[in-house]
Amino acid sequence: MDAAVGPCTGDVAPAGDPPLIDRDGNRSYPFSVVVDDLRQDVDLVIRGRDLIEATPTQIRLGRLLGRATPATFLHHPLIRRPDGRKLSKSSGDTGVRELRDAGQAAEEVIAVADCATGWTEPIA
């Protein structure tokens, strides 16, 4: 069940079990996020819909690591550039930290993100 999308189903690890260590010897993203969520008692995971297919695998990995009840997941619509590509820090797009450092209030950043995802109407 996704808090934004509703009931969801998906294959666990359709491409095989996720690696625990990447080719550079670092802990992999799928493993790291599950461990971090467990260690920090995260019970609500909010992320873009492009990651919704990873959720069944992460729930399974959490169970294998001792998590009795999975977190609640909420997958929001992606915020996109005018050319249709998703915004991404890895592509050099502005992140929340930069907006906050530039003086934007948290409420303003949240309101702009809500409008960009289409969840709310812009404030006139």
Protein backbone atom coordinates (compact mmCIF):
# COMPACT_ATOMS: atom_id res chain seq x y z
CA MET A 1 0.00 0.00 0.00
CA ASP A 2 1.35 3.39 -0.98
CA ALA A 3 0.06 6.43 0.90
CA ALA A 4 -0.24 8.46 -2.34
CA VAL A 5 -0.79 5.84 -5.04
CA GLY A 6 -2.92 3.34 -3.12
CA PRO A 7 -2.69 -0.44 -3.33
CA CYS A 8 0.41 -1.61 -5.20
CA THR A 9 1.90 -4.94 -6.10
CA GLY A 10 5.27 -5.73 -7.52
CA ASP A 11 7.86 -8.42 -7.92
CA VAL A 12 10.53 -8.71 -5.28
CA ALA A 13 13.96 -8.37 -6.88
CA PRO A 14 12.84 -8.96 -10.50
CA ALA A 15 16.46 -8.63 -11.65
CA GLY A 16 17.81 -10.79 -8.81
CA ASP A 17 18.73 -9.94 -5.26
CA PRO A 18 20.17 -6.45 -4.91
CA PRO A 19 23.93 -6.29 -4.35
CA LEU A 20 25.11 -5.36 -0.88
CA ILE A 21 28.38 -3.94 -2.18
CA ASP A 22 28.77 -2.06 -5.48
CA ARG A 23 31.57 -2.50 -8.01
CA ASP A 24 33.62 0.20 -6.26
CA GLY A 25 33.45 -1.60 -2.89
CA ASN A 26 30.84 0.74 -1.39
CA ARG A 27 27.64 -0.39 0.24
CA SER A 28 24.91 -0.29 -2.38
CA TYR A 29 22.02 2.19 -2.33
CA PRO A 30 19.27 -0.45 -1.89
CA PHE A 31 21.08 -1.95 1.11
CA SER A 32 22.10 1.39 2.64
CA VAL A 33 18.64 2.96 2.61
CA VAL A 34 17.09 -0.07 4.30
CA VAL A 35 19.80 -0.18 7.00
CA ASP A 36 19.59 3.59 7.54
CA ASP A 37 15.79 3.43 7.88
CA LEU A 38 16.10 0.62 10.43
CA ARG A 39 18.80 2.38 12.47
CA GLN A 40 16.90 5.67 12.51
CA ASP A 41 13.46 4.13 13.14
CA VAL A 42 12.10 5.72 9.94
CA ASP A 43 8.43 4.88 9.61
CA LEU A 44 7.54 7.09 6.63
CA VAL A 45 9.56 6.99 3.41
CA ILE A 46 8.75 9.76 0.91
CA ARG A 47 10.33 9.63 -2.51
CA GLY A 48 9.61 9.98 -6.22
CA ARG A 49 7.42 7.60 -8.16
CA ASP A 50 10.41 6.56 -10.24
CA LEU A 51 11.48 4.49 -7.20
CA ILE A 52 8.15 2.76 -6.56
CA GLU A 53 9.30 -0.50 -8.17
CA ALA A 54 12.16 -0.78 -5.64
CA THR A 55 9.74 -0.84 -2.70
CA PRO A 56 8.90 -4.59 -2.62
CA THR A 57 12.60 -5.47 -2.59
CA GLN A 58 13.31 -2.96 0.17
CA ILE A 59 10.42 -4.25 2.27
CA ARG A 60 11.74 -7.81 1.86
CA LEU A 61 15.29 -6.78 2.73
CA GLY A 62 13.98 -4.96 5.81
CA ARG A 63 12.17 -8.11 6.94
CA LEU A 64 15.35 -10.16 6.44
CA LEU A 65 17.21 -7.64 8.62
CA GLY A 66 14.61 -7.89 11.39
CA ARG A 67 12.02 -5.24 10.61
CA ALA A 68 8.67 -6.70 11.72
CA THR A 69 6.46 -3.99 10.19
CA PRO A 70 7.46 -2.14 7.03
CA ALA A 71 7.53 1.63 6.92
CA THR A 72 4.74 3.51 5.21
CA PHE A 73 5.78 4.53 1.71
CA LEU A 74 4.54 7.60 -0.16
CA HIS A 75 5.66 8.05 -3.78
CA HIS A 76 5.07 11.57 -5.09
CA PRO A 77 4.87 12.65 -8.71
CA LEU A 78 8.26 13.71 -10.05
CA ILE A 79 9.18 17.34 -10.41
CA ARG A 80 10.29 17.86 -14.00
CA ARG A 81 12.26 20.38 -15.98
CA PRO A 82 10.51 22.21 -18.84
CA ASP A 83 12.04 19.66 -21.26
CA GLY A 84 10.37 16.80 -19.35
CA ARG A 85 13.46 15.40 -17.63
CA LYS A 86 13.17 14.89 -13.88
CA LEU A 87 14.94 17.28 -11.55
CA SER A 88 17.98 15.63 -10.02
CA LYS A 89 20.77 16.76 -7.73
CA SER A 90 23.10 14.42 -9.63
CA SER A 91 22.37 16.47 -12.78
CA GLY A 92 23.22 19.72 -10.99
CA ASP A 93 19.67 20.87 -10.28
CA THR A 94 19.11 23.01 -7.20
CA GLY A 95 18.44 21.05 -4.02
CA VAL A 96 16.45 21.88 -0.91
CA ARG A 97 19.62 22.73 1.02
CA GLU A 98 20.56 25.40 -1.55
CA LEU A 99 17.09 26.91 -1.43
CA ARG A 100 17.14 27.03 2.37
CA ASP A 101 20.70 28.49 2.36
CA ALA A 102 19.43 31.18 -0.03
CA GLY A 103 16.89 32.24 2.59
CA GLN A 104 13.72 30.47 1.48
CA ALA A 105 11.54 29.38 4.38
CA ALA A 106 10.78 25.67 4.72
CA GLU A 107 7.08 26.37 4.16
CA GLU A 108 7.87 28.18 0.90
CA VAL A 109 10.04 25.30 -0.38
CA ILE A 110 7.29 22.81 0.48
CA ALA A 111 4.62 24.95 -1.22
CA VAL A 112 6.68 25.27 -4.40
CA ALA A 113 7.31 21.49 -4.45
CA ASP A 114 3.59 20.80 -3.92
CA CYS A 115 2.71 22.97 -6.90
CA ALA A 116 5.48 21.47 -9.06
CA THR A 117 4.18 17.95 -8.47
CA GLY A 118 0.63 19.01 -9.25
CA TRP A 119 -0.70 18.18 -5.78
CA THR A 120 -1.82 21.73 -5.08
CA GLU A 121 -2.64 24.81 -7.10
CA PRO A 122 -0.20 27.74 -7.19
CA ILE A 123 -0.96 30.53 -4.73
CA ALA A 124 -1.77 33.72 -6.59
